[in-house]
PDB file of all heavy atoms in Angstrom:
ATOM      1  N   SER A   1      18.227   5.289  13.513  1.00  0.00           N
ATOM      2  CA  SER A   1      17.035   4.518  13.649  1.00  0.00           C
ATOM      3  C   SER A   1      16.049   5.124  14.716  1.00  0.00           C
ATOM      4  O   SER A   1      14.911   5.051  14.588  1.00  0.00           O
ATOM      5  CB  SER A   1      17.430   3.058  14.082  1.00  0.00           C
ATOM      6  OG  SER A   1      18.122   3.103  15.327  1.00  0.00           O
ATOM      7  N   GLY A   2      16.670   5.537  15.820  1.00  0.00           N
ATOM      8  CA  GLY A   2      15.826   6.183  16.855  1.00  0.00           C
ATOM      9  C   GLY A   2      15.155   7.433  16.339  1.00  0.00           C
ATOM     10  O   GLY A   2      13.961   7.656  16.653  1.00  0.00           O
ATOM     11  N   HIS A   3      15.927   8.320  15.565  1.00  0.00           N
ATOM     12  CA  HIS A   3      15.314   9.471  15.080  1.00  0.00           C
ATOM     13  C   HIS A   3      14.169   9.157  13.987  1.00  0.00           C
ATOM     14  O   HIS A   3      13.230   9.742  13.969  1.00  0.00           O
ATOM     15  CB  HIS A   3      16.447  10.352  14.392  1.00  0.00           C
ATOM     16  CG  HIS A   3      17.242  11.040  15.293  1.00  0.00           C
ATOM     17  ND1 HIS A   3      16.670  11.930  16.247  1.00  0.00           N
ATOM     18  CD2 HIS A   3      18.609  10.984  15.573  1.00  0.00           C
ATOM     19  CE1 HIS A   3      17.707  12.474  16.992  1.00  0.00           C
ATOM     20  NE2 HIS A   3      18.801  11.823  16.627  1.00  0.00           N
ATOM     21  N   THR A   4      14.465   8.037  13.258  1.00  0.00           N
ATOM     22  CA  THR A   4      13.450   7.646  12.224  1.00  0.00           C
ATOM     23  C   THR A   4      12.145   7.259  12.880  1.00  0.00           C
ATOM     24  O   THR A   4      11.101   7.629  12.435  1.00  0.00           O
ATOM     25  CB  THR A   4      14.030   6.547  11.317  1.00  0.00           C
ATOM     26  OG1 THR A   4      15.274   6.977  10.729  1.00  0.00           O
ATOM     27  CG2 THR A   4      13.065   6.176  10.243  1.00  0.00           C
ATOM     28  N   SER A   5      12.242   6.407  13.919  1.00  0.00           N
ATOM     29  CA  SER A   5      10.965   5.954  14.592  1.00  0.00           C
ATOM     30  C   SER A   5      10.337   7.142  15.232  1.00  0.00           C
ATOM     31  O   SER A   5       9.102   7.228  15.217  1.00  0.00           O
ATOM     32  CB  SER A   5      11.370   4.889  15.705  1.00  0.00           C
ATOM     33  OG  SER A   5      12.262   5.460  16.603  1.00  0.00           O
ATOM     34  N   HIS A   6      11.114   8.131  15.767  1.00  0.00           N
ATOM     35  CA  HIS A   6      10.552   9.252  16.380  1.00  0.00           C
ATOM     36  C   HIS A   6       9.739  10.068  15.301  1.00  0.00           C
ATOM     37  O   HIS A   6       8.665  10.552  15.592  1.00  0.00           O
ATOM     38  CB  HIS A   6      11.538  10.138  16.977  1.00  0.00           C
ATOM     39  CG  HIS A   6      11.037  11.328  17.757  1.00  0.00           C
ATOM     40  ND1 HIS A   6      10.147  11.222  18.794  1.00  0.00           N
ATOM     41  CD2 HIS A   6      11.193  12.684  17.503  1.00  0.00           C
ATOM     42  CE1 HIS A   6       9.928  12.457  19.254  1.00  0.00           C
ATOM     43  NE2 HIS A   6      10.514  13.354  18.500  1.00  0.00           N
ATOM     44  N   ARG A   7      10.428  10.187  14.150  1.00  0.00           N
ATOM     45  CA  ARG A   7       9.730  10.947  13.047  1.00  0.00           C
ATOM     46  C   ARG A   7       8.463  10.261  12.579  1.00  0.00           C
ATOM     47  O   ARG A   7       7.500  10.865  12.239  1.00  0.00           O
ATOM     48  CB  ARG A   7      10.781  11.181  11.902  1.00  0.00           C
ATOM     49  CG  ARG A   7      11.777  12.229  12.115  1.00  0.00           C
ATOM     50  CD  ARG A   7      12.456  12.561  10.854  1.00  0.00           C
ATOM     51  NE  ARG A   7      13.077  11.522  10.177  1.00  0.00           N
ATOM     52  CZ  ARG A   7      14.356  11.193  10.406  1.00  0.00           C
ATOM     53  NH1 ARG A   7      15.056  11.909  11.160  1.00  0.00           N
ATOM     54  NH2 ARG A   7      14.895  10.234   9.711  1.00  0.00           N
ATOM     55  N   HIS A   8       8.564   8.907  12.472  1.00  0.00           N
ATOM     56  CA  HIS A   8       7.317   8.121  12.132  1.00  0.00           C
ATOM     57  C   HIS A   8       6.190   8.383  13.064  1.00  0.00           C
ATOM     58  O   HIS A   8       5.078   8.506  12.696  1.00  0.00           O
ATOM     59  CB  HIS A   8       7.719   6.597  12.010  1.00  0.00           C
ATOM     60  CG  HIS A   8       8.396   6.321  10.698  1.00  0.00           C
ATOM     61  ND1 HIS A   8       8.098   6.768   9.461  1.00  0.00           N
ATOM     62  CD2 HIS A   8       9.478   5.519  10.590  1.00  0.00           C
ATOM     63  CE1 HIS A   8       8.848   6.383   8.584  1.00  0.00           C
ATOM     64  NE2 HIS A   8       9.716   5.551   9.133  1.00  0.00           N
ATOM     65  N   ASP A   9       6.603   8.337  14.472  1.00  0.00           N
ATOM     66  CA  ASP A   9       5.523   8.538  15.465  1.00  0.00           C
ATOM     67  C   ASP A   9       4.907   9.936  15.191  1.00  0.00           C
ATOM     68  O   ASP A   9       3.656  10.167  15.369  1.00  0.00           O
ATOM     69  CB  ASP A   9       6.074   8.424  16.833  1.00  0.00           C
ATOM     70  CG  ASP A   9       6.549   6.965  17.083  1.00  0.00           C
ATOM     71  OD1 ASP A   9       6.025   6.181  16.318  1.00  0.00           O
ATOM     72  OD2 ASP A   9       7.357   6.884  18.010  1.00  0.00           O
ATOM     73  N   GLN A  10       5.761  11.021  15.001  1.00  0.00           N
ATOM     74  CA  GLN A  10       5.311  12.356  14.858  1.00  0.00           C
ATOM     75  C   GLN A  10       4.390  12.389  13.629  1.00  0.00           C
ATOM     76  O   GLN A  10       3.371  13.035  13.568  1.00  0.00           O
ATOM     77  CB  GLN A  10       6.411  13.294  14.746  1.00  0.00           C
ATOM     78  CG  GLN A  10       7.107  13.430  16.145  1.00  0.00           C
ATOM     79  CD  GLN A  10       8.217  14.576  16.050  1.00  0.00           C
ATOM     80  OE1 GLN A  10       8.591  14.935  15.064  1.00  0.00           O
ATOM     81  NE2 GLN A  10       8.545  15.164  17.176  1.00  0.00           N
ATOM     82  N   HIS A  11       4.914  11.660  12.544  1.00  0.00           N
ATOM     83  CA  HIS A  11       4.209  11.721  11.271  1.00  0.00           C
ATOM     84  C   HIS A  11       2.765  11.092  11.455  1.00  0.00           C
ATOM     85  O   HIS A  11       1.737  11.598  10.941  1.00  0.00           O
ATOM     86  CB  HIS A  11       5.009  11.007  10.208  1.00  0.00           C
ATOM     87  CG  HIS A  11       4.467  11.149   8.842  1.00  0.00           C
ATOM     88  ND1 HIS A  11       4.373  12.478   8.247  1.00  0.00           N
ATOM     89  CD2 HIS A  11       3.937  10.234   7.900  1.00  0.00           C
ATOM     90  CE1 HIS A  11       3.834  12.293   6.944  1.00  0.00           C
ATOM     91  NE2 HIS A  11       3.590  11.033   6.764  1.00  0.00           N
ATOM     92  N   GLY A  12       2.694   9.948  12.126  1.00  0.00           N
ATOM     93  CA  GLY A  12       1.468   9.285  12.342  1.00  0.00           C
ATOM     94  C   GLY A  12       0.527  10.161  13.174  1.00  0.00           C
ATOM     95  O   GLY A  12      -0.687  10.195  12.948  1.00  0.00           O
ATOM     96  N   ALA A  13       1.093  10.762  14.246  1.00  0.00           N
ATOM     97  CA  ALA A  13       0.339  11.705  15.108  1.00  0.00           C
ATOM     98  C   ALA A  13      -0.257  12.807  14.289  1.00  0.00           C
ATOM     99  O   ALA A  13      -1.431  13.255  14.488  1.00  0.00           O
ATOM    100  CB  ALA A  13       1.129  12.149  16.270  1.00  0.00           C
ATOM    101  N   SER A  14       0.597  13.411  13.428  1.00  0.00           N
ATOM    102  CA  SER A  14       0.103  14.515  12.577  1.00  0.00           C
ATOM    103  C   SER A  14      -1.016  14.113  11.732  1.00  0.00           C
ATOM    104  O   SER A  14      -1.960  14.877  11.478  1.00  0.00           O
ATOM    105  CB  SER A  14       1.234  15.067  11.777  1.00  0.00           C
ATOM    106  OG  SER A  14       1.709  14.117  10.876  1.00  0.00           O
ATOM    107  N   HIS A  15      -0.947  12.889  11.174  1.00  0.00           N
ATOM    108  CA  HIS A  15      -2.005  12.413  10.297  1.00  0.00           C
ATOM    109  C   HIS A  15      -3.278  12.213  11.118  1.00  0.00           C
ATOM    110  O   HIS A  15      -4.381  12.532  10.657  1.00  0.00           O
ATOM    111  CB  HIS A  15      -1.647  11.076   9.679  1.00  0.00           C
ATOM    112  CG  HIS A  15      -0.837  11.177   8.426  1.00  0.00           C
ATOM    113  ND1 HIS A  15      -1.327  11.866   7.323  1.00  0.00           N
ATOM    114  CD2 HIS A  15       0.458  10.839   8.092  1.00  0.00           C
ATOM    115  CE1 HIS A  15      -0.393  11.864   6.299  1.00  0.00           C
ATOM    116  NE2 HIS A  15       0.602  11.242   6.796  1.00  0.00           N
ATOM    117  N   GLU A  16      -3.136  11.683  12.368  1.00  0.00           N
ATOM    118  CA  GLU A  16      -4.285  11.512  13.199  1.00  0.00           C
ATOM    119  C   GLU A  16      -5.002  12.836  13.511  1.00  0.00           C
ATOM    120  O   GLU A  16      -6.136  13.014  13.561  1.00  0.00           O
ATOM    121  CB  GLU A  16      -3.873  10.789  14.541  1.00  0.00           C
ATOM    122  CG  GLU A  16      -3.511   9.309  14.208  1.00  0.00           C
ATOM    123  CD  GLU A  16      -3.058   8.737  15.497  1.00  0.00           C
ATOM    124  OE1 GLU A  16      -3.149   9.441  16.548  1.00  0.00           O
ATOM    125  OE2 GLU A  16      -2.672   7.503  15.467  1.00  0.00           O
ATOM    126  N   VAL A  17      -4.159  13.862  13.773  1.00  0.00           N
ATOM    127  CA  VAL A  17      -4.730  15.148  14.110  1.00  0.00           C
ATOM    128  C   VAL A  17      -5.269  15.854  12.923  1.00  0.00           C
ATOM    129  O   VAL A  17      -6.285  16.538  12.931  1.00  0.00           O
ATOM    130  CB  VAL A  17      -3.558  16.048  14.722  1.00  0.00           C
ATOM    131  CG1 VAL A  17      -4.183  17.513  14.916  1.00  0.00           C
ATOM    132  CG2 VAL A  17      -3.172  15.362  15.986  1.00  0.00           C
ATOM    133  N   SER A  18      -4.615  15.642  11.713  1.00  0.00           N
ATOM    134  CA  SER A  18      -5.041  16.366  10.561  1.00  0.00           C
ATOM    135  C   SER A  18      -6.226  15.843   9.954  1.00  0.00           C
ATOM    136  O   SER A  18      -6.881  16.455   9.073  1.00  0.00           O
ATOM    137  CB  SER A  18      -3.881  16.401   9.524  1.00  0.00           C
ATOM    138  OG  SER A  18      -3.571  15.031   9.092  1.00  0.00           O
ATOM    139  N   HIS A  19      -6.728  14.636  10.323  1.00  0.00           N
ATOM    140  CA  HIS A  19      -7.903  14.063   9.696  1.00  0.00           C
ATOM    141  C   HIS A  19      -9.160  14.915  10.171  1.00  0.00           C
ATOM    142  O   HIS A  19      -9.420  15.110  11.302  1.00  0.00           O
ATOM    143  CB  HIS A  19      -8.179  12.603  10.205  1.00  0.00           C
ATOM    144  CG  HIS A  19      -7.261  11.725   9.477  1.00  0.00           C
ATOM    145  ND1 HIS A  19      -7.044  10.448   9.926  1.00  0.00           N
ATOM    146  CD2 HIS A  19      -6.552  11.860   8.334  1.00  0.00           C
ATOM    147  CE1 HIS A  19      -6.117   9.807   9.075  1.00  0.00           C
ATOM    148  NE2 HIS A  19      -5.873  10.658   8.179  1.00  0.00           N
ATOM    149  N   PRO A  20      -9.905  15.395   9.191  1.00  0.00           N
ATOM    150  CA  PRO A  20     -11.158  16.199   9.594  1.00  0.00           C
ATOM    151  C   PRO A  20     -12.193  15.296  10.275  1.00  0.00           C
ATOM    152  O   PRO A  20     -12.252  14.086  10.036  1.00  0.00           O
ATOM    153  CB  PRO A  20     -11.624  16.753   8.177  1.00  0.00           C
ATOM    154  CG  PRO A  20     -11.196  15.686   7.176  1.00  0.00           C
ATOM    155  CD  PRO A  20      -9.861  15.262   7.751  1.00  0.00           C
ATOM    156  N   PRO A  21     -12.933  15.849  11.152  1.00  0.00           N
ATOM    157  CA  PRO A  21     -13.971  15.030  11.800  1.00  0.00           C
ATOM    158  C   PRO A  21     -15.070  14.503  10.828  1.00  0.00           C
ATOM    159  O   PRO A  21     -15.364  15.273   9.778  1.00  0.00           O
ATOM    160  CB  PRO A  21     -14.655  15.995  12.770  1.00  0.00           C
ATOM    161  CG  PRO A  21     -14.324  17.387  12.304  1.00  0.00           C
ATOM    162  CD  PRO A  21     -13.031  17.195  11.579  1.00  0.00           C
ATOM    163  N   PRO A  22     -15.584  13.414  10.987  1.00  0.00           N
ATOM    164  CA  PRO A  22     -16.575  12.895  10.044  1.00  0.00           C
ATOM    165  C   PRO A  22     -17.852  13.763  10.049  1.00  0.00           C
ATOM    166  O   PRO A  22     -18.286  14.284  11.035  1.00  0.00           O
ATOM    167  CB  PRO A  22     -16.949  11.427  10.574  1.00  0.00           C
ATOM    168  CG  PRO A  22     -16.626  11.572  12.126  1.00  0.00           C
ATOM    169  CD  PRO A  22     -15.450  12.424  12.170  1.00  0.00           C
ATOM    170  N   PRO A  23     -18.405  13.937   8.876  1.00  0.00           N
ATOM    171  CA  PRO A  23     -19.612  14.832   8.791  1.00  0.00           C
ATOM    172  C   PRO A  23     -20.885  14.234   9.605  1.00  0.00           C
ATOM    173  O   PRO A  23     -20.948  12.980   9.705  1.00  0.00           O
ATOM    174  CB  PRO A  23     -19.936  14.869   7.291  1.00  0.00           C
ATOM    175  CG  PRO A  23     -19.290  13.584   6.725  1.00  0.00           C
ATOM    176  CD  PRO A  23     -18.017  13.321   7.653  1.00  0.00           C
ATOM    177  N   PRO A  24     -21.671  15.010  10.042  1.00  0.00           N
ATOM    178  CA  PRO A  24     -22.830  14.524  10.807  1.00  0.00           C
ATOM    179  C   PRO A  24     -23.771  13.770   9.820  1.00  0.00           C
ATOM    180  O   PRO A  24     -23.816  14.067   8.570  1.00  0.00           O
ATOM    181  CB  PRO A  24     -23.563  15.737  11.383  1.00  0.00           C
ATOM    182  CG  PRO A  24     -23.047  16.838  10.374  1.00  0.00           C
ATOM    183  CD  PRO A  24     -21.656  16.484   9.931  1.00  0.00           C
ATOM    184  N   PRO A  25     -24.411  12.717  10.291  1.00  0.00           N
ATOM    185  CA  PRO A  25     -25.364  12.015   9.450  1.00  0.00           C
ATOM    186  C   PRO A  25     -26.487  12.802   8.840  1.00  0.00           C
ATOM    187  O   PRO A  25     -27.019  13.686   9.497  1.00  0.00           O
ATOM    188  CB  PRO A  25     -25.886  10.840  10.345  1.00  0.00           C
ATOM    189  CG  PRO A  25     -25.625  11.381  11.718  1.00  0.00           C
ATOM    190  CD  PRO A  25     -24.467  12.229  11.790  1.00  0.00           C
ATOM    191  N   ALA A  26     -26.920  12.500   7.688  1.00  0.00           N
ATOM    192  CA  ALA A  26     -27.896  13.295   7.013  1.00  0.00           C
ATOM    193  C   ALA A  26     -29.316  13.008   7.698  1.00  0.00           C
ATOM    194  O   ALA A  26     -29.608  11.898   8.038  1.00  0.00           O
ATOM    195  CB  ALA A  26     -28.055  12.989   5.572  1.00  0.00           C
ATOM    196  N   LYS A  27     -30.075  14.106   7.792  1.00  0.00           N
ATOM    197  CA  LYS A  27     -31.372  13.973   8.449  1.00  0.00           C
ATOM    198  C   LYS A  27     -32.423  13.344   7.408  1.00  0.00           C
ATOM    199  O   LYS A  27     -32.325  13.573   6.268  1.00  0.00           O
ATOM    200  CB  LYS A  27     -31.883  15.378   8.891  1.00  0.00           C
ATOM    201  CG  LYS A  27     -31.036  15.999   9.984  1.00  0.00           C
ATOM    202  CD  LYS A  27     -31.614  17.245  10.523  1.00  0.00           C
ATOM    203  CE  LYS A  27     -30.841  17.769  11.611  1.00  0.00           C
ATOM    204  NZ  LYS A  27     -31.338  19.105  12.074  1.00  0.00           N
TER     205      LYS A  27
END
């Protein structure tokens, strides 16, 4: 259970990092 929660945290963090930045608004 401890390892699972740790993996979930890492998985969520990786998703947060892997999200590309939003494109700039169109002029």
